[in-house]
């Protein structure tokens, strides 16, 4: 997170902390009353961002952010040689999923398939170099 976004986020968290109802849960984005924002409200926030902020991709959605985050997380898992069980626990915690959630496995399977395709291409390229 860049410095400017960090300052804005801290300012928001400080303002949010003054709403008593917001202290009763772990959701970052809340209504004026302090309740967690609904999915439709968050969708509207993203739509407004896409419409009004220059340089924001027209495809930016909560769904896209979740996928990008999980892809970046998978890169860190690879770089840090985490075991699958630890990866699942950390991913579940970071994404707010329960310990019994199977959602992490879906992202791990996506990563496995991508790596399999990448390695397959490498093997094919190696073979083709030998044939030439």
N, C-alpha and C. Protein backbone atom coordinates (compact mmCIF):
# COMPACT_ATOMS: atom_id res chain seq x y z
N UNK A 1 0.86 -1.17 0.00
CA UNK A 1 0.00 0.00 0.00
C UNK A 1 0.90 1.23 0.00
N UNK A 2 0.63 2.14 -0.89
CA UNK A 2 1.40 3.36 -0.95
C UNK A 2 1.10 4.28 0.22
N UNK A 3 1.97 5.26 0.42
CA UNK A 3 1.82 6.17 1.56
C UNK A 3 0.49 6.91 1.54
N UNK A 4 0.11 7.41 0.37
CA UNK A 4 -1.13 8.19 0.27
C UNK A 4 -2.34 7.34 0.63
N UNK A 5 -2.41 6.12 0.09
CA UNK A 5 -3.53 5.23 0.41
C UNK A 5 -3.49 4.82 1.87
N UNK A 6 -2.29 4.63 2.43
CA UNK A 6 -2.17 4.27 3.85
C UNK A 6 -2.74 5.37 4.74
N UNK A 7 -2.43 6.63 4.43
CA UNK A 7 -2.94 7.75 5.21
C UNK A 7 -4.46 7.83 5.10
N UNK A 8 -4.99 7.69 3.88
CA UNK A 8 -6.44 7.72 3.68
C UNK A 8 -7.12 6.58 4.44
N UNK A 9 -6.51 5.41 4.41
CA UNK A 9 -7.08 4.25 5.11
C UNK A 9 -7.07 4.47 6.61
N UNK A 10 -5.97 4.98 7.14
CA UNK A 10 -5.91 5.28 8.58
C UNK A 10 -6.95 6.31 8.98
N UNK A 11 -7.10 7.34 8.16
CA UNK A 11 -8.12 8.35 8.44
C UNK A 11 -9.51 7.73 8.48
N UNK A 12 -9.79 6.84 7.53
CA UNK A 12 -11.09 6.17 7.49
C UNK A 12 -11.28 5.30 8.73
N UNK A 13 -10.26 4.53 9.08
CA UNK A 13 -10.36 3.64 10.25
C UNK A 13 -10.58 4.46 11.52
N UNK A 14 -9.90 5.59 11.65
CA UNK A 14 -10.10 6.46 12.81
C UNK A 14 -11.52 6.99 12.86
N UNK A 15 -12.05 7.42 11.72
CA UNK A 15 -13.43 7.92 11.68
C UNK A 15 -14.40 6.78 11.98
N UNK A 16 -14.14 5.60 11.42
CA UNK A 16 -15.01 4.43 11.62
C UNK A 16 -15.04 4.04 13.10
N UNK A 17 -13.92 4.18 13.78
CA UNK A 17 -13.85 3.76 15.18
C UNK A 17 -14.72 4.61 16.10
N UNK A 18 -15.15 5.76 15.61
CA UNK A 18 -16.03 6.62 16.42
C UNK A 18 -17.50 6.25 16.29
N UNK A 19 -17.79 5.20 15.49
CA UNK A 19 -19.17 4.72 15.33
C UNK A 19 -19.32 3.48 16.22
N UNK A 20 -20.07 3.58 17.31
CA UNK A 20 -20.15 2.46 18.26
C UNK A 20 -20.53 1.13 17.63
N UNK A 21 -21.49 1.09 16.73
CA UNK A 21 -21.94 -0.17 16.13
C UNK A 21 -20.86 -0.82 15.27
N UNK A 22 -19.95 -0.01 14.76
CA UNK A 22 -18.88 -0.54 13.90
C UNK A 22 -17.87 -1.36 14.70
N UNK A 23 -17.86 -1.17 16.01
CA UNK A 23 -16.92 -1.91 16.86
C UNK A 23 -17.40 -3.32 17.17
N UNK A 24 -18.61 -3.65 16.75
CA UNK A 24 -19.20 -4.95 17.08
C UNK A 24 -18.89 -6.03 16.06
N UNK A 25 -18.15 -5.70 15.02
CA UNK A 25 -17.82 -6.67 13.97
C UNK A 25 -16.50 -6.29 13.32
N UNK A 26 -16.00 -7.14 12.46
CA UNK A 26 -14.70 -6.91 11.84
C UNK A 26 -14.75 -6.37 10.43
N UNK A 27 -15.93 -5.97 9.97
CA UNK A 27 -16.04 -5.45 8.61
C UNK A 27 -15.45 -4.04 8.53
N UNK A 28 -14.66 -3.80 7.51
CA UNK A 28 -14.02 -2.49 7.38
C UNK A 28 -14.99 -1.43 6.88
N UNK A 29 -15.75 -1.76 5.87
CA UNK A 29 -16.65 -0.78 5.26
C UNK A 29 -18.04 -0.90 5.87
N UNK A 30 -18.49 0.23 6.41
CA UNK A 30 -19.75 0.23 7.15
C UNK A 30 -20.66 1.36 6.68
N UNK A 31 -21.92 1.21 7.03
CA UNK A 31 -22.89 2.26 6.76
C UNK A 31 -22.70 3.38 7.79
N UNK A 32 -23.42 4.47 7.63
CA UNK A 32 -23.33 5.57 8.59
C UNK A 32 -23.73 5.12 9.99
N UNK A 33 -24.59 4.09 10.07
CA UNK A 33 -25.04 3.57 11.37
C UNK A 33 -24.03 2.57 11.95
N UNK A 34 -23.04 2.15 11.15
CA UNK A 34 -22.02 1.24 11.65
C UNK A 34 -22.21 -0.21 11.26
N UNK A 35 -23.31 -0.52 10.58
CA UNK A 35 -23.55 -1.90 10.14
C UNK A 35 -22.65 -2.21 8.94
N UNK A 36 -22.31 -3.49 8.75
CA UNK A 36 -21.54 -3.84 7.56
C UNK A 36 -22.30 -3.43 6.30
N UNK A 37 -21.57 -2.95 5.29
CA UNK A 37 -22.22 -2.57 4.04
C UNK A 37 -22.78 -3.81 3.36
N UNK A 38 -23.93 -3.66 2.74
CA UNK A 38 -24.53 -4.76 1.99
C UNK A 38 -23.77 -4.96 0.68
N UNK A 39 -23.97 -6.11 0.07
CA UNK A 39 -23.33 -6.38 -1.21
C UNK A 39 -23.78 -5.36 -2.26
N UNK A 40 -25.05 -5.00 -2.24
CA UNK A 40 -25.53 -4.03 -3.24
C UNK A 40 -24.90 -2.66 -3.01
N UNK A 41 -24.68 -2.28 -1.76
CA UNK A 41 -24.03 -1.00 -1.46
C UNK A 41 -22.57 -1.02 -1.93
N UNK A 42 -21.88 -2.12 -1.68
CA UNK A 42 -20.49 -2.23 -2.13
C UNK A 42 -20.40 -2.25 -3.65
N UNK A 43 -21.34 -2.92 -4.29
CA UNK A 43 -21.38 -2.94 -5.75
C UNK A 43 -21.55 -1.52 -6.28
N UNK A 44 -22.40 -0.74 -5.62
CA UNK A 44 -22.61 0.65 -6.02
C UNK A 44 -21.33 1.47 -5.83
N UNK A 45 -20.58 1.22 -4.76
CA UNK A 45 -19.32 1.92 -4.53
C UNK A 45 -18.37 1.66 -5.70
N UNK A 46 -18.26 0.41 -6.10
CA UNK A 46 -17.36 0.07 -7.21
C UNK A 46 -17.85 0.67 -8.53
N UNK A 47 -19.15 0.67 -8.74
CA UNK A 47 -19.70 1.27 -9.96
C UNK A 47 -19.38 2.77 -9.99
N UNK A 48 -19.54 3.44 -8.85
CA UNK A 48 -19.25 4.86 -8.76
C UNK A 48 -17.77 5.13 -9.01
N UNK A 49 -16.90 4.29 -8.43
CA UNK A 49 -15.46 4.43 -8.68
C UNK A 49 -15.14 4.32 -10.16
N UNK A 50 -15.71 3.31 -10.81
CA UNK A 50 -15.44 3.11 -12.24
C UNK A 50 -15.93 4.30 -13.07
N UNK A 51 -17.05 4.89 -12.67
CA UNK A 51 -17.63 6.00 -13.43
C UNK A 51 -16.89 7.32 -13.20
N UNK A 52 -16.42 7.55 -11.98
CA UNK A 52 -15.92 8.88 -11.63
C UNK A 52 -14.40 9.01 -11.51
N UNK A 53 -13.71 7.92 -11.27
CA UNK A 53 -12.26 8.00 -11.07
C UNK A 53 -11.54 7.70 -12.37
N UNK A 54 -10.69 8.62 -12.77
CA UNK A 54 -9.95 8.39 -14.00
C UNK A 54 -8.90 7.31 -13.77
N UNK A 55 -8.67 6.52 -14.79
CA UNK A 55 -7.66 5.49 -14.71
C UNK A 55 -8.12 4.19 -14.08
N UNK A 56 -9.36 4.12 -13.65
CA UNK A 56 -9.89 2.88 -13.06
C UNK A 56 -10.44 2.02 -14.19
N UNK A 57 -10.03 0.77 -14.20
CA UNK A 57 -10.48 -0.16 -15.23
C UNK A 57 -11.99 -0.34 -15.19
N UNK A 58 -12.63 -0.38 -16.35
CA UNK A 58 -14.08 -0.61 -16.37
C UNK A 58 -14.45 -2.01 -15.88
N UNK A 59 -13.46 -2.89 -15.75
CA UNK A 59 -13.74 -4.25 -15.29
C UNK A 59 -13.50 -4.43 -13.79
N UNK A 60 -13.14 -3.35 -13.08
CA UNK A 60 -12.87 -3.44 -11.64
C UNK A 60 -14.15 -3.77 -10.87
N UNK A 61 -14.13 -4.89 -10.19
CA UNK A 61 -15.24 -5.30 -9.32
C UNK A 61 -14.65 -5.95 -8.07
N UNK A 62 -15.51 -6.20 -7.09
CA UNK A 62 -15.05 -6.91 -5.89
C UNK A 62 -14.55 -8.29 -6.28
N UNK A 63 -15.24 -8.93 -7.21
CA UNK A 63 -14.88 -10.27 -7.66
C UNK A 63 -13.47 -10.27 -8.27
N UNK A 64 -13.19 -9.29 -9.11
CA UNK A 64 -11.88 -9.18 -9.74
C UNK A 64 -10.81 -8.96 -8.68
N UNK A 65 -11.07 -8.10 -7.72
CA UNK A 65 -10.09 -7.84 -6.65
C UNK A 65 -9.79 -9.11 -5.86
N UNK A 66 -10.83 -9.90 -5.59
CA UNK A 66 -10.62 -11.15 -4.86
C UNK A 66 -9.72 -12.10 -5.65
N UNK A 67 -9.96 -12.19 -6.95
CA UNK A 67 -9.12 -13.07 -7.78
C UNK A 67 -7.69 -12.57 -7.86
N UNK A 68 -7.52 -11.28 -8.03
CA UNK A 68 -6.16 -10.71 -8.09
C UNK A 68 -5.44 -10.95 -6.77
N UNK A 69 -6.13 -10.70 -5.66
CA UNK A 69 -5.51 -10.92 -4.35
C UNK A 69 -5.07 -12.37 -4.22
N UNK A 70 -5.93 -13.29 -4.60
CA UNK A 70 -5.59 -14.71 -4.46
C UNK A 70 -4.46 -15.12 -5.38
N UNK A 71 -4.35 -14.55 -6.56
CA UNK A 71 -3.22 -14.84 -7.44
C UNK A 71 -1.92 -14.32 -6.83
N UNK A 72 -1.96 -13.11 -6.29
CA UNK A 72 -0.78 -12.54 -5.62
C UNK A 72 -0.39 -13.38 -4.41
N UNK A 73 -1.39 -13.82 -3.65
CA UNK A 73 -1.13 -14.67 -2.49
C UNK A 73 -0.46 -15.97 -2.93
N UNK A 74 -0.94 -16.56 -4.01
CA UNK A 74 -0.33 -17.80 -4.52
C UNK A 74 1.13 -17.59 -4.88
N UNK A 75 1.45 -16.44 -5.46
CA UNK A 75 2.85 -16.13 -5.77
C UNK A 75 3.69 -16.10 -4.48
N UNK A 76 3.14 -15.51 -3.42
CA UNK A 76 3.86 -15.47 -2.14
C UNK A 76 4.02 -16.86 -1.54
N UNK A 77 2.99 -17.69 -1.70
CA UNK A 77 3.06 -19.07 -1.21
C UNK A 77 4.22 -19.79 -1.89
N UNK A 78 4.29 -19.64 -3.23
CA UNK A 78 5.38 -20.28 -3.97
C UNK A 78 6.74 -19.75 -3.52
N UNK A 79 6.84 -18.44 -3.36
CA UNK A 79 8.12 -17.83 -3.00
C UNK A 79 8.57 -18.22 -1.59
N UNK A 80 7.60 -18.53 -0.72
CA UNK A 80 7.92 -18.85 0.67
C UNK A 80 7.82 -20.35 0.98
N UNK A 81 7.59 -21.14 -0.06
CA UNK A 81 7.57 -22.61 0.07
C UNK A 81 6.63 -23.09 1.18
N UNK A 82 5.43 -22.51 1.23
CA UNK A 82 4.47 -22.94 2.24
C UNK A 82 3.88 -24.30 1.89
N UNK A 83 3.61 -25.08 2.91
CA UNK A 83 2.94 -26.36 2.72
C UNK A 83 1.46 -26.10 2.45
N UNK A 84 0.79 -26.99 1.70
CA UNK A 84 -0.62 -26.76 1.35
C UNK A 84 -1.53 -26.51 2.55
N UNK A 85 -1.30 -27.22 3.65
CA UNK A 85 -2.15 -27.04 4.83
C UNK A 85 -2.00 -25.63 5.41
N UNK A 86 -0.76 -25.16 5.46
CA UNK A 86 -0.51 -23.81 5.97
C UNK A 86 -1.09 -22.77 5.03
N UNK A 87 -0.93 -23.01 3.72
CA UNK A 87 -1.51 -22.10 2.73
C UNK A 87 -3.01 -21.98 2.93
N UNK A 88 -3.68 -23.11 3.12
CA UNK A 88 -5.13 -23.11 3.31
C UNK A 88 -5.51 -22.32 4.55
N UNK A 89 -4.81 -22.56 5.66
CA UNK A 89 -5.13 -21.86 6.90
C UNK A 89 -4.95 -20.35 6.75
N UNK A 90 -3.84 -19.95 6.15
CA UNK A 90 -3.56 -18.51 6.00
C UNK A 90 -4.56 -17.88 5.03
N UNK A 91 -4.82 -18.54 3.91
CA UNK A 91 -5.76 -17.99 2.92
C UNK A 91 -7.15 -17.84 3.54
N UNK A 92 -7.59 -18.87 4.26
CA UNK A 92 -8.91 -18.79 4.91
C UNK A 92 -8.97 -17.62 5.89
N UNK A 93 -7.92 -17.45 6.68
CA UNK A 93 -7.88 -16.35 7.66
C UNK A 93 -7.90 -15.00 6.96
N UNK A 94 -7.05 -14.84 5.96
CA UNK A 94 -6.93 -13.55 5.29
C UNK A 94 -8.21 -13.16 4.55
N UNK A 95 -8.90 -14.16 4.01
CA UNK A 95 -10.11 -13.87 3.24
C UNK A 95 -11.37 -13.86 4.10
N UNK A 96 -11.22 -14.22 5.38
CA UNK A 96 -12.37 -14.21 6.28
C UNK A 96 -13.26 -15.43 6.13
N UNK A 97 -12.70 -16.51 5.57
CA UNK A 97 -13.46 -17.74 5.41
C UNK A 97 -13.28 -18.60 6.65
N UNK A 98 -14.23 -19.48 6.92
CA UNK A 98 -14.14 -20.37 8.08
C UNK A 98 -13.02 -21.39 7.88
N UNK A 99 -12.61 -22.00 8.98
CA UNK A 99 -11.56 -23.04 8.91
C UNK A 99 -12.01 -24.23 8.08
N UNK A 100 -13.31 -24.44 7.98
CA UNK A 100 -13.85 -25.58 7.23
C UNK A 100 -14.18 -25.23 5.78
N UNK A 101 -13.98 -23.99 5.40
CA UNK A 101 -14.29 -23.55 4.03
C UNK A 101 -13.47 -24.32 3.01
N UNK A 102 -14.08 -24.64 1.91
CA UNK A 102 -13.39 -25.32 0.81
C UNK A 102 -13.00 -24.34 -0.30
N UNK A 103 -13.29 -23.05 -0.10
CA UNK A 103 -13.01 -22.05 -1.13
C UNK A 103 -11.53 -21.94 -1.43
N UNK A 104 -10.69 -22.03 -0.40
CA UNK A 104 -9.24 -21.95 -0.62
C UNK A 104 -8.78 -23.03 -1.60
N UNK A 105 -9.40 -24.21 -1.50
CA UNK A 105 -9.02 -25.31 -2.39
C UNK A 105 -9.28 -24.96 -3.86
N UNK A 106 -10.32 -24.17 -4.12
CA UNK A 106 -10.61 -23.76 -5.50
C UNK A 106 -9.48 -22.90 -6.05
N UNK A 107 -8.99 -21.98 -5.24
CA UNK A 107 -7.88 -21.13 -5.68
C UNK A 107 -6.59 -21.93 -5.82
N UNK A 108 -6.39 -22.89 -4.92
CA UNK A 108 -5.21 -23.74 -5.01
C UNK A 108 -5.27 -24.60 -6.28
N UNK A 109 -6.46 -25.09 -6.63
CA UNK A 109 -6.62 -25.88 -7.85
C UNK A 109 -6.37 -25.02 -9.08
N UNK A 110 -6.85 -23.78 -9.07
CA UNK A 110 -6.57 -22.85 -10.18
C UNK A 110 -5.07 -22.68 -10.36
N UNK A 111 -4.38 -22.51 -9.24
CA UNK A 111 -2.93 -22.32 -9.28
C UNK A 111 -2.25 -23.59 -9.79
N UNK A 112 -2.70 -24.74 -9.33
CA UNK A 112 -2.12 -26.02 -9.77
C UNK A 112 -2.30 -26.18 -11.28
N UNK A 113 -3.48 -25.86 -11.78
CA UNK A 113 -3.73 -25.97 -13.23
C UNK A 113 -2.86 -25.00 -14.02
N UNK A 114 -2.72 -23.78 -13.52
CA UNK A 114 -1.88 -22.80 -14.22
C UNK A 114 -0.43 -23.25 -14.24
N UNK A 115 0.06 -23.76 -13.11
CA UNK A 115 1.44 -24.24 -13.04
C UNK A 115 1.64 -25.45 -13.96
N UNK A 116 0.66 -26.35 -14.00
CA UNK A 116 0.75 -27.52 -14.87
C UNK A 116 0.85 -27.09 -16.33
N UNK A 117 0.05 -26.11 -16.72
CA UNK A 117 0.10 -25.61 -18.10
C UNK A 117 1.44 -24.94 -18.39
N UNK A 118 1.92 -24.15 -17.45
CA UNK A 118 3.21 -23.46 -17.60
C UNK A 118 4.35 -24.47 -17.75
N UNK A 119 4.37 -25.47 -16.88
CA UNK A 119 5.42 -26.48 -16.94
C UNK A 119 5.33 -27.31 -18.22
N UNK A 120 4.12 -27.57 -18.65
CA UNK A 120 3.93 -28.34 -19.89
C UNK A 120 4.52 -27.60 -21.08
N UNK A 121 4.29 -26.30 -21.14
CA UNK A 121 4.85 -25.48 -22.23
C UNK A 121 6.37 -25.50 -22.16
N UNK A 122 6.92 -25.39 -20.96
CA UNK A 122 8.38 -25.44 -20.80
C UNK A 122 8.95 -26.76 -21.32
N UNK A 123 8.29 -27.86 -20.98
CA UNK A 123 8.74 -29.17 -21.45
C UNK A 123 8.65 -29.26 -22.96
N UNK A 124 7.55 -28.76 -23.53
CA UNK A 124 7.39 -28.77 -24.98
C UNK A 124 8.48 -27.95 -25.66
N UNK A 125 8.74 -26.76 -25.11
CA UNK A 125 9.79 -25.91 -25.68
C UNK A 125 11.15 -26.59 -25.62
N UNK A 126 11.45 -27.22 -24.52
CA UNK A 126 12.72 -27.94 -24.35
C UNK A 126 12.83 -29.07 -25.37
N UNK A 127 11.74 -29.79 -25.55
CA UNK A 127 11.73 -30.89 -26.51
C UNK A 127 11.94 -30.37 -27.94
N UNK A 128 11.25 -29.28 -28.26
CA UNK A 128 11.34 -28.72 -29.61
C UNK A 128 12.76 -28.21 -29.89
N UNK A 129 13.44 -27.66 -28.87
CA UNK A 129 14.82 -27.21 -29.06
C UNK A 129 15.74 -28.39 -29.36
N UNK A 130 15.49 -29.52 -28.72
CA UNK A 130 16.30 -30.72 -28.95
C UNK A 130 16.06 -31.28 -30.35
N UNK A 131 14.82 -31.20 -30.84
CA UNK A 131 14.48 -31.74 -32.14
C UNK A 131 15.14 -30.91 -33.24
N UNK A 132 15.23 -29.62 -33.05
CA UNK A 132 15.84 -28.74 -34.05
C UNK A 132 17.32 -28.97 -34.03
